[in-house]
Structure formats: C-alpha cells, structure tokens
C-alpha cells in the first residue's frame, strides 16, 4: 500500500528577475480549509433561502436557475466539507504518528 505524503513545504524566498523576495515564517490561518468551506456552504444555503420566496418571479423571468445554482453550491459544499474534514483527520493522525 502506498502512502500519500501530506507536506506543507513552502519556499522561503522567490526570485523574480533581479529581485529576491523573502517569505515570512508564519503559520497559515486555515491549513485544512474546513472553516472556509463551512462559510462558503453556509453562504450558498443563505442564497437559496433568500431566493426561495421569489420563485414565481424567477420562473417568470427565466432566472429560476439562480435558485438551483445556490442549491447545487450548497450540495457540493457538503461534499467538500466532508473531504476537508477527512483530510484534517489524516493530517492529524500523520502528525501524531510522526511524534512517536
């Protein structure tokens, strides 16, 4: 069984032309993306609920796809959320294993 390496190696400097830019050594705010996907999924749900009372108008104007786009965004967000949670769990287990 092959093992996938989950590394976050980042370059410490970038060179563009004759300039060199150094990258500050700071921790990222959201490494696993769970919070970001949660917020995005919630926004799609809010968009769906906000458009729901206007279904008749959307249908009359031919824009009911707006409603279904929001619902699709919410559904895909749920899949993305599960993916990010599994990735976070795998990273945590790997970190614990490496500490031993």
PDB file of N, CA and C in Angstrom:
ATOM      1  N   UNK A   1       0.849  -1.173   0.000  1.00  0.00           N
ATOM      2  CA  UNK A   1       0.000   0.000   0.000  1.00  0.00           C
ATOM      3  C   UNK A   1       0.895   1.237   0.000  1.00  0.00           C
ATOM      4  N   UNK A   2       0.690   2.114  -0.942  1.00  0.00           N
ATOM      5  CA  UNK A   2       1.499   3.334  -0.996  1.00  0.00           C
ATOM      6  C   UNK A   2       0.875   4.394  -0.108  1.00  0.00           C
ATOM      7  N   UNK A   3       1.702   5.232   0.429  1.00  0.00           N
ATOM      8  CA  UNK A   3       1.250   6.259   1.358  1.00  0.00           C
ATOM      9  C   UNK A   3       1.442   7.633   0.718  1.00  0.00           C
ATOM     10  N   UNK A   4       0.430   8.454   0.824  1.00  0.00           N
ATOM     11  CA  UNK A   4       0.490   9.804   0.282  1.00  0.00           C
ATOM     12  C   UNK A   4       1.102  10.713   1.340  1.00  0.00           C
ATOM     13  N   UNK A   5       2.077  11.494   0.937  1.00  0.00           N
ATOM     14  CA  UNK A   5       2.708  12.422   1.870  1.00  0.00           C
ATOM     15  C   UNK A   5       1.935  13.728   1.874  1.00  0.00           C
ATOM     16  N   UNK A   6       1.565  14.188   3.052  1.00  0.00           N
ATOM     17  CA  UNK A   6       0.863  15.460   3.206  1.00  0.00           C
ATOM     18  C   UNK A   6       1.843  16.463   3.798  1.00  0.00           C
ATOM     19  N   UNK A   7       2.581  17.113   2.924  1.00  0.00           N
ATOM     20  CA  UNK A   7       3.580  18.066   3.391  1.00  0.00           C
ATOM     21  C   UNK A   7       3.144  19.478   3.042  1.00  0.00           C
ATOM     22  N   UNK A   8       3.616  20.418   3.807  1.00  0.00           N
ATOM     23  CA  UNK A   8       3.342  21.824   3.549  1.00  0.00           C
ATOM     24  C   UNK A   8       4.644  22.588   3.343  1.00  0.00           C
ATOM     25  N   UNK A   9       5.617  21.939   2.696  1.00  0.00           N
ATOM     26  CA  UNK A   9       6.888  22.614   2.448  1.00  0.00           C
ATOM     27  C   UNK A   9       6.646  23.810   1.531  1.00  0.00           C
ATOM     28  N   UNK A  10       7.063  24.948   1.977  1.00  0.00           N
ATOM     29  CA  UNK A  10       6.890  26.171   1.207  1.00  0.00           C
ATOM     30  C   UNK A  10       8.258  26.808   0.990  1.00  0.00           C
ATOM     31  N   UNK A  11       8.431  27.472  -0.137  1.00  0.00           N
ATOM     32  CA  UNK A  11       9.724  28.135  -0.371  1.00  0.00           C
ATOM     33  C   UNK A  11       9.910  29.292   0.595  1.00  0.00           C
ATOM     34  N   UNK A  12      11.160  29.576   0.943  1.00  0.00           N
ATOM     35  CA  UNK A  12      11.453  30.686   1.858  1.00  0.00           C
ATOM     36  C   UNK A  12      11.775  31.956   1.107  1.00  0.00           C
ATOM     37  N   UNK A  13      11.994  31.840  -0.200  1.00  0.00           N
ATOM     38  CA  UNK A  13      12.242  33.037  -0.995  1.00  0.00           C
ATOM     39  C   UNK A  13      11.810  32.796  -2.434  1.00  0.00           C
ATOM     40  N   UNK A  14      11.459  33.889  -3.098  1.00  0.00           N
ATOM     41  CA  UNK A  14      11.073  33.849  -4.509  1.00  0.00           C
ATOM     42  C   UNK A  14      11.965  34.822  -5.259  1.00  0.00           C
ATOM     43  N   UNK A  15      12.378  34.418  -6.434  1.00  0.00           N
ATOM     44  CA  UNK A  15      13.204  35.306  -7.256  1.00  0.00           C
ATOM     45  C   UNK A  15      12.455  35.639  -8.535  1.00  0.00           C
ATOM     46  N   UNK A  16      12.241  36.935  -8.751  1.00  0.00           N
ATOM     47  CA  UNK A  16      11.602  37.436  -9.958  1.00  0.00           C
ATOM     48  C   UNK A  16      12.566  38.417 -10.612  1.00  0.00           C
ATOM     49  N   UNK A  17      13.044  38.043 -11.770  1.00  0.00           N
ATOM     50  CA  UNK A  17      14.008  38.907 -12.440  1.00  0.00           C
ATOM     51  C   UNK A  17      15.252  39.051 -11.594  1.00  0.00           C
ATOM     52  N   UNK A  18      15.631  40.287 -11.278  1.00  0.00           N
ATOM     53  CA  UNK A  18      16.815  40.518 -10.450  1.00  0.00           C
ATOM     54  C   UNK A  18      16.439  40.843  -9.002  1.00  0.00           C
ATOM     55  N   UNK A  19      15.203  40.566  -8.623  1.00  0.00           N
ATOM     56  CA  UNK A  19      14.759  40.819  -7.245  1.00  0.00           C
ATOM     57  C   UNK A  19      14.526  39.509  -6.509  1.00  0.00           C
ATOM     58  N   UNK A  20      14.817  39.523  -5.214  1.00  0.00           N
ATOM     59  CA  UNK A  20      14.558  38.376  -4.365  1.00  0.00           C
ATOM     60  C   UNK A  20      13.603  38.792  -3.256  1.00  0.00           C
ATOM     61  N   UNK A  21      12.499  38.026  -3.111  1.00  0.00           N
ATOM     62  CA  UNK A  21      11.508  38.298  -2.082  1.00  0.00           C
ATOM     63  C   UNK A  21      11.548  37.171  -1.067  1.00  0.00           C
ATOM     64  N   UNK A  22      11.619  37.533   0.217  1.00  0.00           N
ATOM     65  CA  UNK A  22      11.660  36.554   1.291  1.00  0.00           C
ATOM     66  C   UNK A  22      10.265  36.371   1.874  1.00  0.00           C
ATOM     67  N   UNK A  23       9.929  35.127   2.185  1.00  0.00           N
ATOM     68  CA  UNK A  23       8.621  34.793   2.731  1.00  0.00           C
ATOM     69  C   UNK A  23       8.729  34.710   4.246  1.00  0.00           C
ATOM     70  N   UNK A  24       7.848  35.427   4.937  1.00  0.00           N
ATOM     71  CA  UNK A  24       7.854  35.411   6.399  1.00  0.00           C
ATOM     72  C   UNK A  24       7.460  34.028   6.907  1.00  0.00           C
ATOM     73  N   UNK A  25       8.067  33.608   7.984  1.00  0.00           N
ATOM     74  CA  UNK A  25       7.801  32.306   8.580  1.00  0.00           C
ATOM     75  C   UNK A  25       6.641  32.431   9.572  1.00  0.00           C
ATOM     76  N   UNK A  26       5.422  32.409   9.056  1.00  0.00           N
ATOM     77  CA  UNK A  26       4.224  32.498   9.905  1.00  0.00           C
ATOM     78  C   UNK A  26       3.311  31.319   9.586  1.00  0.00           C
ATOM     79  N   UNK A  27       2.528  30.929  10.552  1.00  0.00           N
ATOM     80  CA  UNK A  27       1.583  29.840  10.355  1.00  0.00           C
ATOM     81  C   UNK A  27       0.359  30.345   9.593  1.00  0.00           C
ATOM     82  N   UNK A  28      -0.141  29.586   8.626  1.00  0.00           N
ATOM     83  CA  UNK A  28      -1.354  29.985   7.921  1.00  0.00           C
ATOM     84  C   UNK A  28      -2.563  29.913   8.850  1.00  0.00           C
ATOM     85  N   UNK A  29      -3.582  30.686   8.538  1.00  0.00           N
ATOM     86  CA  UNK A  29      -4.764  30.718   9.387  1.00  0.00           C
ATOM     87  C   UNK A  29      -5.602  29.457   9.282  1.00  0.00           C
ATOM     88  N   UNK A  30      -5.765  28.923   8.064  1.00  0.00           N
ATOM     89  CA  UNK A  30      -6.658  27.793   7.866  1.00  0.00           C
ATOM     90  C   UNK A  30      -5.997  26.778   6.943  1.00  0.00           C
ATOM     91  N   UNK A  31      -5.199  25.898   7.517  1.00  0.00           N
ATOM     92  CA  UNK A  31      -4.441  24.942   6.724  1.00  0.00           C
ATOM     93  C   UNK A  31      -5.348  23.910   6.073  1.00  0.00           C
ATOM     94  N   UNK A  32      -6.351  23.430   6.788  1.00  0.00           N
ATOM     95  CA  UNK A  32      -7.164  22.336   6.275  1.00  0.00           C
ATOM     96  C   UNK A  32      -8.372  22.782   5.458  1.00  0.00           C
ATOM     97  N   UNK A  33      -8.756  24.029   5.507  1.00  0.00           N
ATOM     98  CA  UNK A  33      -9.837  24.543   4.683  1.00  0.00           C
ATOM     99  C   UNK A  33     -11.233  24.282   5.200  1.00  0.00           C
ATOM    100  N   UNK A  34     -11.367  23.654   6.358  1.00  0.00           N
ATOM    101  CA  UNK A  34     -12.691  23.310   6.873  1.00  0.00           C
ATOM    102  C   UNK A  34     -13.517  24.568   7.108  1.00  0.00           C
ATOM    103  N   UNK A  35     -12.959  25.544   7.786  1.00  0.00           N
ATOM    104  CA  UNK A  35     -13.718  26.763   8.088  1.00  0.00           C
ATOM    105  C   UNK A  35     -14.122  27.498   6.814  1.00  0.00           C
ATOM    106  N   UNK A  36     -13.217  27.546   5.860  1.00  0.00           N
ATOM    107  CA  UNK A  36     -13.502  28.223   4.597  1.00  0.00           C
ATOM    108  C   UNK A  36     -14.656  27.549   3.863  1.00  0.00           C
ATOM    109  N   UNK A  37     -14.639  26.233   3.803  1.00  0.00           N
ATOM    110  CA  UNK A  37     -15.708  25.503   3.127  1.00  0.00           C
ATOM    111  C   UNK A  37     -17.015  25.623   3.913  1.00  0.00           C
ATOM    112  N   UNK A  38     -16.945  25.639   5.232  1.00  0.00           N
ATOM    113  CA  UNK A  38     -18.155  25.822   6.037  1.00  0.00           C
ATOM    114  C   UNK A  38     -18.821  27.163   5.733  1.00  0.00           C
ATOM    115  N   UNK A  39     -18.022  28.211   5.670  1.00  0.00           N
ATOM    116  CA  UNK A  39     -18.571  29.543   5.389  1.00  0.00           C
ATOM    117  C   UNK A  39     -19.149  29.591   3.980  1.00  0.00           C
ATOM    118  N   UNK A  40     -18.439  29.067   3.012  1.00  0.00           N
ATOM    119  CA  UNK A  40     -18.934  29.065   1.637  1.00  0.00           C
ATOM    120  C   UNK A  40     -20.218  28.277   1.491  1.00  0.00           C
ATOM    121  N   UNK A  41     -20.302  27.125   2.136  1.00  0.00           N
ATOM    122  CA  UNK A  41     -21.506  26.298   2.084  1.00  0.00           C
ATOM    123  C   UNK A  41     -22.680  27.015   2.736  1.00  0.00           C
ATOM    124  N   UNK A  42     -22.426  27.664   3.854  1.00  0.00           N
ATOM    125  CA  UNK A  42     -23.487  28.421   4.531  1.00  0.00           C
ATOM    126  C   UNK A  42     -23.981  29.575   3.658  1.00  0.00           C
ATOM    127  N   UNK A  43     -23.082  30.236   2.947  1.00  0.00           N
ATOM    128  CA  UNK A  43     -23.485  31.336   2.074  1.00  0.00           C
ATOM    129  C   UNK A  43     -24.351  30.847   0.918  1.00  0.00           C
ATOM    130  N   UNK A  44     -24.028  29.683   0.358  1.00  0.00           N
ATOM    131  CA  UNK A  44     -24.877  29.121  -0.696  1.00  0.00           C
ATOM    132  C   UNK A  44     -26.266  28.800  -0.151  1.00  0.00           C
ATOM    133  N   UNK A  45     -26.341  28.268   1.062  1.00  0.00           N
ATOM    134  CA  UNK A  45     -27.638  27.962   1.675  1.00  0.00           C
ATOM    135  C   UNK A  45     -28.433  29.245   1.928  1.00  0.00           C
ATOM    136  N   UNK A  46     -27.769  30.274   2.421  1.00  0.00           N
ATOM    137  CA  UNK A  46     -28.442  31.553   2.655  1.00  0.00           C
ATOM    138  C   UNK A  46     -28.958  32.126   1.339  1.00  0.00           C
ATOM    139  N   UNK A  47     -28.156  32.021   0.282  1.00  0.00           N
ATOM    140  CA  UNK A  47     -28.600  32.485  -1.036  1.00  0.00           C
ATOM    141  C   UNK A  47     -29.835  31.737  -1.510  1.00  0.00           C
ATOM    142  N   UNK A  48     -29.844  30.421  -1.321  1.00  0.00           N
ATOM    143  CA  UNK A  48     -31.003  29.612  -1.702  1.00  0.00           C
ATOM    144  C   UNK A  48     -32.240  30.040  -0.922  1.00  0.00           C
ATOM    145  N   UNK A  49     -32.100  30.170   0.402  1.00  0.00           N
ATOM    146  CA  UNK A  49     -33.245  30.546   1.231  1.00  0.00           C
ATOM    147  C   UNK A  49     -33.721  31.961   0.929  1.00  0.00           C
ATOM    148  N   UNK A  50     -32.808  32.855   0.576  1.00  0.00           N
ATOM    149  CA  UNK A  50     -33.188  34.230   0.253  1.00  0.00           C
ATOM    150  C   UNK A  50     -33.937  34.298  -1.077  1.00  0.00           C
ATOM    151  N   UNK A  51     -33.610  33.435  -2.020  1.00  0.00           N
ATOM    152  CA  UNK A  51     -34.277  33.440  -3.318  1.00  0.00           C
ATOM    153  C   UNK A  51     -35.574  32.635  -3.334  1.00  0.00           C
ATOM    154  N   UNK A  52     -35.748  31.751  -2.383  1.00  0.00           N
ATOM    155  CA  UNK A  52     -36.914  30.865  -2.364  1.00  0.00           C
ATOM    156  C   UNK A  52     -38.251  31.618  -2.391  1.00  0.00           C
ATOM    157  N   UNK A  53     -38.435  32.706  -1.631  1.00  0.00           N
ATOM    158  CA  UNK A  53     -39.724  33.420  -1.702  1.00  0.00           C
ATOM    159  C   UNK A  53     -39.996  34.050  -3.072  1.00  0.00           C
ATOM    160  N   UNK A  54     -38.979  34.216  -3.876  1.00  0.00           N
ATOM    161  CA  UNK A  54     -39.125  34.845  -5.190  1.00  0.00           C
ATOM    162  C   UNK A  54     -39.175  33.831  -6.324  1.00  0.00           C
ATOM    163  N   UNK A  55     -39.526  32.589  -6.006  1.00  0.00           N
ATOM    164  CA  UNK A  55     -39.527  31.533  -7.021  1.00  0.00           C
ATOM    165  C   UNK A  55     -40.423  31.891  -8.208  1.00  0.00           C
ATOM    166  N   UNK A  56     -41.598  32.416  -7.953  1.00  0.00           N
ATOM    167  CA  UNK A  56     -42.524  32.786  -9.027  1.00  0.00           C
ATOM    168  C   UNK A  56     -41.935  33.835  -9.956  1.00  0.00           C
ATOM    169  N   UNK A  57     -41.348  34.863  -9.376  1.00  0.00           N
ATOM    170  CA  UNK A  57     -40.715  35.906 -10.196  1.00  0.00           C
ATOM    171  C   UNK A  57     -39.539  35.361 -10.993  1.00  0.00           C
ATOM    172  N   UNK A  58     -38.738  34.522 -10.345  1.00  0.00           N
ATOM    173  CA  UNK A  58     -37.592  33.932 -11.042  1.00  0.00           C
ATOM    174  C   UNK A  58     -38.058  33.065 -12.209  1.00  0.00           C
ATOM    175  N   UNK A  59     -39.131  32.320 -11.978  1.00  0.00           N
ATOM    176  CA  UNK A  59     -39.660  31.457 -13.035  1.00  0.00           C
ATOM    177  C   UNK A  59     -40.205  32.293 -14.196  1.00  0.00           C
ATOM    178  N   UNK A  60     -40.921  33.368 -13.884  1.00  0.00           N
ATOM    179  CA  UNK A  60     -41.485  34.233 -14.930  1.00  0.00           C
ATOM    180  C   UNK A  60     -40.402  34.899 -15.772  1.00  0.00           C
ATOM    181  N   UNK A  61     -39.297  35.261 -15.139  1.00  0.00           N
ATOM    182  CA  UNK A  61     -38.229  35.954 -15.863  1.00  0.00           C
ATOM    183  C   UNK A  61     -37.211  34.987 -16.479  1.00  0.00           C
ATOM    184  N   UNK A  62     -37.385  33.692 -16.244  1.00  0.00           N
ATOM    185  CA  UNK A  62     -36.457  32.705 -16.794  1.00  0.00           C
ATOM    186  C   UNK A  62     -35.163  32.585 -16.021  1.00  0.00           C
ATOM    187  N   UNK A  63     -35.177  33.066 -14.783  1.00  0.00           N
ATOM    188  CA  UNK A  63     -33.958  33.024 -13.957  1.00  0.00           C
ATOM    189  C   UNK A  63     -34.066  32.071 -12.779  1.00  0.00           C
ATOM    190  N   UNK A  64     -34.927  31.077 -12.886  1.00  0.00           N
ATOM    191  CA  UNK A  64     -35.041  30.131 -11.771  1.00  0.00           C
ATOM    192  C   UNK A  64     -33.770  29.316 -11.577  1.00  0.00           C
ATOM    193  N   UNK A  65     -32.884  29.324 -12.574  1.00  0.00           N
ATOM    194  CA  UNK A  65     -31.601  28.623 -12.442  1.00  0.00           C
ATOM    195  C   UNK A  65     -30.768  29.209 -11.310  1.00  0.00           C
ATOM    196  N   UNK A  66     -31.011  30.476 -10.955  1.00  0.00           N
ATOM    197  CA  UNK A  66     -30.303  31.076  -9.821  1.00  0.00           C
ATOM    198  C   UNK A  66     -30.549  30.258  -8.556  1.00  0.00           C
ATOM    199  N   UNK A  67     -31.816  29.894  -8.367  1.00  0.00           N
ATOM    200  CA  UNK A  67     -32.202  29.127  -7.181  1.00  0.00           C
ATOM    201  C   UNK A  67     -31.494  27.773  -7.167  1.00  0.00           C
ATOM    202  N   UNK A  68     -31.504  27.093  -8.308  1.00  0.00           N
ATOM    203  CA  UNK A  68     -30.910  25.759  -8.375  1.00  0.00           C
ATOM    204  C   UNK A  68     -29.386  25.817  -8.331  1.00  0.00           C
ATOM    205  N   UNK A  69     -28.814  26.921  -8.772  1.00  0.00           N
ATOM    206  CA  UNK A  69     -27.356  27.091  -8.643  1.00  0.00           C
ATOM    207  C   UNK A  69     -26.969  27.175  -7.177  1.00  0.00           C
ATOM    208  N   UNK A  70     -27.759  27.930  -6.404  1.00  0.00           N
ATOM    209  CA  UNK A  70     -27.480  28.032  -4.964  1.00  0.00           C
ATOM    210  C   UNK A  70     -27.619  26.678  -4.281  1.00  0.00           C
ATOM    211  N   UNK A  71     -28.649  25.934  -4.655  1.00  0.00           N
ATOM    212  CA  UNK A  71     -28.854  24.615  -4.055  1.00  0.00           C
ATOM    213  C   UNK A  71     -27.714  23.668  -4.431  1.00  0.00           C
ATOM    214  N   UNK A  72     -27.271  23.742  -5.681  1.00  0.00           N
ATOM    215  CA  UNK A  72     -26.131  22.910  -6.109  1.00  0.00           C
ATOM    216  C   UNK A  72     -24.857  23.302  -5.374  1.00  0.00           C
ATOM    217  N   UNK A  73     -24.628  24.605  -5.202  1.00  0.00           N
ATOM    218  CA  UNK A  73     -23.464  25.068  -4.453  1.00  0.00           C
ATOM    219  C   UNK A  73     -23.475  24.558  -3.029  1.00  0.00           C
ATOM    220  N   UNK A  74     -24.652  24.551  -2.413  1.00  0.00           N
ATOM    221  CA  UNK A  74     -24.782  24.024  -1.054  1.00  0.00           C
ATOM    222  C   UNK A  74     -24.475  22.529  -1.023  1.00  0.00           C
ATOM    223  N   UNK A  75     -25.042  21.777  -1.972  1.00  0.00           N
ATOM    224  CA  UNK A  75     -24.809  20.330  -2.005  1.00  0.00           C
ATOM    225  C   UNK A  75     -23.350  19.992  -2.239  1.00  0.00           C
ATOM    226  N   UNK A  76     -22.723  20.677  -3.192  1.00  0.00           N
ATOM    227  CA  UNK A  76     -21.304  20.427  -3.448  1.00  0.00           C
ATOM    228  C   UNK A  76     -20.443  20.857  -2.265  1.00  0.00           C
ATOM    229  N   UNK A  77     -20.879  21.905  -1.572  1.00  0.00           N
ATOM    230  CA  UNK A  77     -20.168  22.345  -0.371  1.00  0.00           C
ATOM    231  C   UNK A  77     -20.165  21.279   0.710  1.00  0.00           C
ATOM    232  N   UNK A  78     -21.282  20.531   0.820  1.00  0.00           N
ATOM    233  CA  UNK A  78     -21.328  19.444   1.802  1.00  0.00           C
ATOM    234  C   UNK A  78     -20.314  18.355   1.472  1.00  0.00           C
ATOM    235  N   UNK A  79     -20.183  18.039   0.177  1.00  0.00           N
ATOM    236  CA  UNK A  79     -19.153  17.067  -0.219  1.00  0.00           C
ATOM    237  C   UNK A  79     -17.753  17.610   0.075  1.00  0.00           C
ATOM    238  N   UNK A  80     -17.534  18.873  -0.236  1.00  0.00           N
ATOM    239  CA  UNK A  80     -16.238  19.492   0.035  1.00  0.00           C
ATOM    240  C   UNK A  80     -15.919  19.526   1.516  1.00  0.00           C
ATOM    241  N   UNK A  81     -16.932  19.755   2.323  1.00  0.00           N
ATOM    242  CA  UNK A  81     -16.747  19.785   3.774  1.00  0.00           C
ATOM    243  C   UNK A  81     -16.313  18.423   4.295  1.00  0.00           C
ATOM    244  N   UNK A  82     -16.942  17.372   3.798  1.00  0.00           N
ATOM    245  CA  UNK A  82     -16.551  16.028   4.215  1.00  0.00           C
ATOM    246  C   UNK A  82     -15.117  15.719   3.780  1.00  0.00           C
ATOM    247  N   UNK A  83     -14.764  16.124   2.572  1.00  0.00           N
ATOM    248  CA  UNK A  83     -13.401  15.912   2.079  1.00  0.00           C
ATOM    249  C   UNK A  83     -12.383  16.625   2.971  1.00  0.00           C
ATOM    250  N   UNK A  84     -12.652  17.885   3.292  1.00  0.00           N
ATOM    251  CA  UNK A  84     -11.716  18.655   4.119  1.00  0.00           C
ATOM    252  C   UNK A  84     -11.609  18.087   5.527  1.00  0.00           C
ATOM    253  N   UNK A  85     -12.719  17.620   6.062  1.00  0.00           N
ATOM    254  CA  UNK A  85     -12.672  17.021   7.407  1.00  0.00           C
ATOM    255  C   UNK A  85     -11.844  15.740   7.408  1.00  0.00           C
ATOM    256  N   UNK A  86     -12.011  14.921   6.370  1.00  0.00           N
ATOM    257  CA  UNK A  86     -11.201  13.700   6.287  1.00  0.00           C
ATOM    258  C   UNK A  86      -9.721  14.038   6.126  1.00  0.00           C
ATOM    259  N   UNK A  87      -9.434  15.058   5.335  1.00  0.00           N
ATOM    260  CA  UNK A  87      -8.040  15.470   5.141  1.00  0.00           C
ATOM    261  C   UNK A  87      -7.451  15.967   6.454  1.00  0.00           C
ATOM    262  N   UNK A  88      -8.217  16.761   7.211  1.00  0.00           N
ATOM    263  CA  UNK A  88      -7.746  17.254   8.506  1.00  0.00           C
ATOM    264  C   UNK A  88      -7.460  16.084   9.445  1.00  0.00           C
ATOM    265  N   UNK A  89      -8.352  15.087   9.447  1.00  0.00           N
ATOM    266  CA  UNK A  89      -8.163  13.922  10.312  1.00  0.00           C
ATOM    267  C   UNK A  89      -6.901  13.144   9.907  1.00  0.00           C
ATOM    268  N   UNK A  90      -6.688  12.981   8.591  1.00  0.00           N
ATOM    269  CA  UNK A  90      -5.496  12.259   8.118  1.00  0.00           C
ATOM    270  C   UNK A  90      -4.229  13.011   8.484  1.00  0.00           C
ATOM    271  N   UNK A  91      -4.241  14.346   8.353  1.00  0.00           N
ATOM    272  CA  UNK A  91      -3.068  15.137   8.723  1.00  0.00           C
ATOM    273  C   UNK A  91      -2.784  15.035  10.217  1.00  0.00           C
ATOM    274  N   UNK A  92      -3.838  15.032  11.024  1.00  0.00           N
ATOM    275  CA  UNK A  92      -3.666  14.934  12.470  1.00  0.00           C
ATOM    276  C   UNK A  92      -3.089  13.573  12.851  1.00  0.00           C
ATOM    277  N   UNK A  93      -3.621  12.508  12.247  1.00  0.00           N
ATOM    278  CA  UNK A  93      -3.113  11.167  12.531  1.00  0.00           C
ATOM    279  C   UNK A  93      -1.661  11.027  12.097  1.00  0.00           C
ATOM    280  N   UNK A  94      -1.312  11.605  10.955  1.00  0.00           N
ATOM    281  CA  UNK A  94       0.068  11.546  10.474  1.00  0.00           C
ATOM    282  C   UNK A  94       0.998  12.289  11.421  1.00  0.00           C
ATOM    283  N   UNK A  95       0.569  13.460  11.900  1.00  0.00           N
ATOM    284  CA  UNK A  95       1.390  14.235  12.828  1.00  0.00           C
ATOM    285  C   UNK A  95       1.597  13.468  14.136  1.00  0.00           C
ATOM    286  N   UNK A  96       0.545  12.811  14.618  1.00  0.00           N
ATOM    287  CA  UNK A  96       0.665  12.026  15.851  1.00  0.00           C
ATOM    288  C   UNK A  96       1.600  10.845  15.651  1.00  0.00           C
ATOM    289  N   UNK A  97       1.518  10.225  14.472  1.00  0.00           N
ATOM    290  CA  UNK A  97       2.379   9.084  14.179  1.00  0.00           C
ATOM    291  C   UNK A  97       3.845   9.498  14.093  1.00  0.00           C
ATOM    292  N   UNK A  98       4.095  10.665  13.519  1.00  0.00           N
ATOM    293  CA  UNK A  98       5.469  11.138  13.391  1.00  0.00           C
ATOM    294  C   UNK A  98       6.059  11.550  14.730  1.00  0.00           C
ATOM    295  N   UNK A  99       5.230  11.936  15.683  1.00  0.00           N
ATOM    296  CA  UNK A  99       5.710  12.338  17.019  1.00  0.00           C
ATOM    297  C   UNK A  99       6.197  11.146  17.827  1.00  0.00           C
ATOM    298  N   UNK A 100       5.720   9.962  17.508  1.00  0.00           N
ATOM    299  CA  UNK A 100       6.083   8.772  18.279  1.00  0.00           C
ATOM    300  C   UNK A 100       7.468   8.313  18.002  1.00  0.00           C
TER     301      UNK A 100
END
